[in-house]
Protein backbone atom coordinates (compact mmCIF):
# COMPACT_ATOMS: atom_id res chain seq x y z
CA MET A 1 -10.98 -4.48 17.35
CA LEU A 2 -9.02 -2.19 15.03
CA LYS A 3 -11.18 0.28 13.14
CA LYS A 4 -11.11 -0.20 9.37
CA ARG A 5 -9.08 2.32 7.36
CA ILE A 6 -9.70 3.80 3.92
CA ILE A 7 -6.37 4.55 2.24
CA PRO A 8 -5.90 6.33 -1.09
CA CYS A 9 -2.64 5.55 -2.88
CA LEU A 10 -0.51 7.86 -5.00
CA ASP A 11 1.55 5.80 -7.46
CA ILE A 12 4.25 8.23 -8.59
CA LYS A 13 6.26 8.14 -11.82
CA ASP A 14 8.41 11.11 -12.93
CA GLY A 15 6.80 13.24 -10.21
CA CYS A 16 3.23 12.64 -11.45
CA THR A 17 0.48 10.41 -10.11
CA VAL A 18 -0.19 7.52 -12.48
CA LYS A 19 -2.51 4.52 -12.61
CA GLY A 20 -2.51 1.41 -14.76
CA ILE A 21 -4.03 -2.06 -14.99
CA ASN A 22 -2.10 -5.12 -13.72
CA PHE A 23 0.90 -2.78 -13.18
CA GLU A 24 1.02 -1.82 -16.90
CA ASP A 25 -0.32 0.86 -19.32
CA LEU A 26 0.23 3.72 -16.88
CA LYS A 27 -1.84 6.88 -17.39
CA ASN A 28 -1.53 10.28 -15.73
CA ALA A 29 -3.95 10.65 -12.80
CA GLY A 30 -3.17 14.16 -11.57
CA ASP A 31 -0.92 16.30 -9.41
CA PRO A 32 0.15 14.43 -6.25
CA ILE A 33 0.12 17.51 -4.01
CA GLU A 34 -3.41 18.50 -5.08
CA LEU A 35 -4.61 14.91 -4.64
CA ALA A 36 -3.04 14.75 -1.16
CA LYS A 37 -4.87 17.96 -0.17
CA LYS A 38 -8.13 16.51 -1.51
CA TYR A 39 -7.80 13.28 0.46
CA GLU A 40 -6.91 15.12 3.65
CA GLN A 41 -10.07 17.23 3.29
CA GLU A 42 -12.29 14.28 2.34
CA GLY A 43 -11.43 12.30 5.46
CA ALA A 44 -9.02 9.62 4.25
CA ASP A 45 -7.53 7.72 7.21
CA GLU A 46 -4.03 7.47 5.76
CA LEU A 47 -2.20 8.19 2.52
CA VAL A 48 0.31 5.95 0.74
CA PHE A 49 2.92 7.32 -1.70
CA LEU A 50 4.72 4.76 -3.87
CA ASP A 51 7.49 5.88 -6.21
CA ILE A 52 6.84 2.94 -8.50
CA THR A 53 9.87 3.20 -10.80
CA ALA A 54 12.52 4.10 -8.21
CA THR A 55 13.73 0.49 -7.87
CA ILE A 56 13.78 -0.20 -11.61
CA GLU A 57 15.57 3.08 -12.30
CA ASN A 58 17.96 2.33 -9.42
CA ARG A 59 17.41 5.64 -7.67
CA LYS A 60 16.02 6.95 -4.40
CA THR A 61 12.48 8.19 -3.73
CA PHE A 62 11.76 11.86 -4.54
CA VAL A 63 12.47 13.31 -1.08
CA GLU A 64 11.48 16.88 -2.03
CA LEU A 65 8.10 15.73 -3.32
CA VAL A 66 7.56 13.75 -0.12
CA LYS A 67 8.33 16.93 1.83
CA ASP A 68 5.82 18.98 -0.20
CA ILE A 69 3.07 16.39 0.23
CA ALA A 70 3.75 15.92 3.96
CA LYS A 71 3.18 19.66 4.51
CA GLU A 72 -0.43 19.19 3.41
CA LEU A 73 -1.18 16.24 5.66
CA SER A 74 -2.15 15.59 9.26
CA ILE A 75 -3.07 11.93 8.59
CA PRO A 76 -0.47 9.11 8.68
CA PHE A 77 1.69 9.13 5.54
CA THR A 78 3.45 6.00 4.23
CA VAL A 79 6.20 6.32 1.61
CA GLY A 80 7.78 3.59 -0.52
CA GLY A 81 10.04 3.16 -3.53
CA GLY A 82 13.79 2.63 -3.80
CA ILE A 83 14.33 2.36 -0.03
CA SER A 84 17.27 0.13 0.80
CA SER A 85 18.95 1.44 3.97
CA VAL A 86 18.46 2.91 7.43
CA GLU A 87 19.75 6.21 6.03
CA ASP A 88 17.10 6.25 3.27
CA VAL A 89 14.40 5.82 5.89
CA ARG A 90 15.85 8.50 8.15
CA LYS A 91 15.74 11.03 5.27
CA LEU A 92 12.12 10.18 4.45
CA LEU A 93 11.00 10.41 8.09
CA GLU A 94 12.76 13.76 8.35
CA ALA A 95 10.90 14.83 5.18
CA GLY A 96 7.57 14.07 6.89
CA ALA A 97 6.78 10.40 6.28
CA ASP A 98 5.27 8.53 9.25
CA LYS A 99 5.86 5.03 7.91
CA ILE A 100 7.93 3.54 5.11
CA SER A 101 7.09 0.72 2.74
CA ILE A 102 9.72 -1.72 1.49
CA ASN A 103 9.30 -4.45 -1.09
CA SER A 104 12.18 -5.46 -3.40
CA SER A 105 14.86 -4.46 -0.89
CA ALA A 106 13.24 -6.56 1.85
CA VAL A 107 13.07 -9.62 -0.39
CA LYS A 108 16.72 -9.24 -1.40
CA ASN A 109 17.88 -8.42 2.12
CA PRO A 110 15.40 -9.61 4.80
CA ALA A 111 17.76 -8.36 7.55
CA LEU A 112 16.77 -4.83 6.47
CA ILE A 113 13.38 -5.39 8.15
CA VAL A 114 15.18 -6.23 11.41
CA HIS A 115 17.46 -3.17 11.19
CA LEU A 116 14.60 -0.78 10.43
CA ALA A 117 12.36 -2.18 13.17
CA LYS A 118 15.17 -1.83 15.71
CA GLU A 119 16.07 1.68 14.60
CA PHE A 120 12.61 3.18 14.11
CA GLY A 121 10.12 0.71 15.65
CA SER A 122 7.95 -1.91 13.97
CA GLN A 123 5.06 0.56 13.69
CA CYS A 124 7.13 2.41 11.09
CA VAL A 125 7.89 -0.61 8.89
CA VAL A 126 5.36 -1.67 6.25
CA VAL A 127 6.36 -4.62 4.07
CA ALA A 128 4.64 -4.35 0.69
CA ILE A 129 3.95 -7.66 -1.04
CA ASP A 130 3.02 -7.70 -4.72
CA THR A 131 1.51 -11.13 -5.34
CA ARG A 132 0.36 -12.95 -8.45
CA LEU A 133 -1.05 -16.42 -9.00
CA VAL A 134 1.43 -18.36 -11.15
CA GLU A 135 0.48 -21.96 -12.00
CA ASN A 136 -1.78 -22.16 -8.92
CA THR A 137 0.89 -20.79 -6.57
CA ASP A 138 0.83 -17.30 -5.02
CA LEU A 139 4.27 -15.88 -5.78
CA VAL A 140 5.87 -12.66 -4.52
CA HIS A 141 6.96 -10.27 -7.29
CA ILE A 142 9.57 -7.52 -7.06
CA LYS A 143 10.88 -4.60 -9.16
CA GLY A 144 7.47 -3.01 -9.55
CA GLY A 145 5.89 -6.37 -10.33
CA ARG A 146 8.27 -7.07 -13.21
CA GLN A 147 10.12 -9.98 -11.65
CA ALA A 148 8.66 -13.13 -10.09
CA THR A 149 10.51 -14.66 -7.14
CA GLU A 150 10.31 -18.20 -5.78
CA LEU A 151 8.86 -16.89 -2.51
CA ILE A 152 5.37 -18.12 -1.67
CA THR A 153 3.27 -15.16 -0.57
CA ILE A 154 1.95 -16.51 2.74
CA ASP A 155 5.41 -17.77 3.76
CA TRP A 156 6.98 -14.39 3.04
CA ALA A 157 4.23 -12.55 4.95
CA LYS A 158 4.87 -14.75 8.00
CA LYS A 159 8.61 -14.25 7.73
CA ALA A 160 8.26 -10.46 7.37
CA GLU A 161 6.17 -10.43 10.55
CA SER A 162 8.74 -12.53 12.43
CA LEU A 163 11.54 -10.14 11.36
CA GLY A 164 9.73 -7.10 12.76
CA ALA A 165 7.35 -5.73 10.12
CA GLY A 166 4.46 -3.83 11.69
CA GLU A 167 2.08 -4.10 8.76
CA ILE A 168 1.66 -5.82 5.39
CA LEU A 169 0.49 -3.96 2.28
CA LEU A 170 -0.82 -6.82 0.15
CA THR A 171 -1.39 -6.01 -3.52
CA SER A 172 -3.01 -8.54 -5.83
CA MET A 173 -1.36 -7.93 -9.19
CA ASP A 174 -4.15 -9.94 -10.85
CA GLY A 175 -6.70 -7.49 -9.44
CA ASP A 176 -4.71 -4.25 -9.79
CA GLY A 177 -6.63 -1.59 -11.73
CA THR A 178 -9.30 -4.04 -12.94
CA LYS A 179 -12.09 -2.71 -10.66
CA ASN A 180 -13.36 -6.30 -10.38
CA GLY A 181 -13.13 -6.32 -6.58
CA PHE A 182 -10.39 -7.11 -4.08
CA ASP A 183 -8.76 -10.54 -4.25
CA LEU A 184 -10.62 -12.04 -1.29
CA ARG A 185 -8.88 -15.40 -1.44
CA ILE A 186 -5.30 -14.19 -0.94
CA THR A 187 -6.35 -11.36 1.38
CA LYS A 188 -8.25 -13.80 3.60
CA LEU A 189 -5.37 -16.29 3.59
CA VAL A 190 -2.75 -13.74 4.64
CA SER A 191 -4.87 -11.69 7.07
CA GLU A 192 -6.00 -14.82 8.95
CA GLN A 193 -2.54 -16.34 9.31
CA ILE A 194 -0.51 -13.38 10.57
CA GLY A 195 -0.96 -11.21 13.63
CA ILE A 196 -0.12 -7.78 12.20
CA PRO A 197 -2.49 -5.52 10.25
CA VAL A 198 -3.01 -6.24 6.55
CA ILE A 199 -3.98 -3.60 3.99
CA ALA A 200 -5.86 -5.06 1.01
CA SER A 201 -4.91 -3.56 -2.33
CA GLY A 202 -5.77 -4.19 -5.97
CA GLY A 203 -9.16 -4.33 -7.66
CA ALA A 204 -11.44 -1.88 -5.83
CA GLY A 205 -14.21 -0.70 -8.15
CA THR A 206 -17.36 -0.19 -6.09
CA VAL A 207 -18.48 0.59 -2.54
CA ALA A 208 -19.63 -3.04 -2.33
CA ASP A 209 -16.04 -4.19 -2.88
CA PHE A 210 -14.97 -2.43 0.33
CA VAL A 211 -17.93 -3.87 2.25
CA GLU A 212 -17.00 -7.32 1.00
CA VAL A 213 -13.28 -7.17 1.81
CA PHE A 214 -13.98 -5.99 5.36
CA ASN A 215 -16.73 -8.56 5.93
CA GLU A 216 -15.00 -11.53 4.30
CA THR A 217 -11.38 -11.04 5.45
CA LYS A 218 -9.49 -9.74 8.47
CA ALA A 219 -7.91 -6.87 6.51
CA THR A 220 -7.88 -3.70 8.63
CA GLY A 221 -7.28 -1.34 5.72
CA ALA A 222 -8.38 -1.11 2.10
CA LEU A 223 -6.28 0.80 -0.40
CA ALA A 224 -7.42 2.15 -3.76
CA ALA A 225 -6.22 4.63 -6.35
CA SER A 226 -8.10 5.31 -9.60
CA ILE A 227 -11.62 5.23 -8.13
CA PHE A 228 -10.58 8.04 -5.78
CA HIS A 229 -8.35 9.95 -8.22
CA PHE A 230 -11.08 10.11 -10.88
CA ASN A 231 -13.90 10.83 -8.39
CA GLU A 232 -15.74 7.58 -9.11
CA ILE A 233 -16.29 7.09 -5.37
CA GLY A 234 -16.06 9.79 -2.71
CA ILE A 235 -14.41 8.88 0.59
CA GLN A 236 -17.24 10.46 2.60
CA GLU A 237 -19.94 8.48 0.76
CA LEU A 238 -17.87 5.31 1.07
CA LYS A 239 -17.49 5.71 4.84
CA LYS A 240 -21.16 6.53 5.22
CA GLU A 241 -22.14 3.32 3.45
CA LEU A 242 -19.65 1.25 5.46
CA LYS A 243 -21.18 2.61 8.67
CA THR A 244 -24.66 1.74 7.34
CA GLN A 245 -23.36 -1.80 6.80
CA LYS A 246 -22.21 -1.88 10.48
CA ILE A 247 -18.53 -1.80 9.55
CA ASN A 248 -16.46 -0.02 12.18
CA VAL A 249 -14.63 2.72 10.26
CA ARG A 250 -12.66 5.63 11.64
């Protein structure tokens, strides 16, 4: 069985780490390089960097910032935002990323998943899915959550897997930043119906939320931002409690 992973996330806007609620009202959460150093030292299993306005602003991810953060890390480092080609991915891997995350570009051009998996291996390709419940249907959203698509979340997750994705980063937009707990329903649905690892994201507020998502779903990773950025929960204390609860963490 895969060991469970604790994954802090740096949402980047204009070179700064930010955090909002339901993808809106973004507030500054600190220097990304300092936060990366902190998470490395505290024992995070991986780190995710998402340049959250790259797609909307129609530009590429900040490669230099990726390079500066990668220098501080020995843990796996996933980078997303504005990635739309094999060349984009090559530049980010050369800058120090271990995996890349694609969302809007994969929805618009599903063949991109195939190309990236062939070129760099499925283990490198994370498909990020931002999902929201709209009139009782789980719909995939793109452009930093600003645009709903007609894609049903579970169908898209299955398709992404079939095209060569190695992992799904599943963010509940309804839970994002609320600290009301992970969205167990959609996380359970997706993690039980696909065969690749699923990272649960959106809504972490307490240690109990992590215990619950690992006990109630097949997610192999749990991602959070503000609770780590603002020192509401320490990664060491979180892992200690998960071990106490007999959850197999790294």
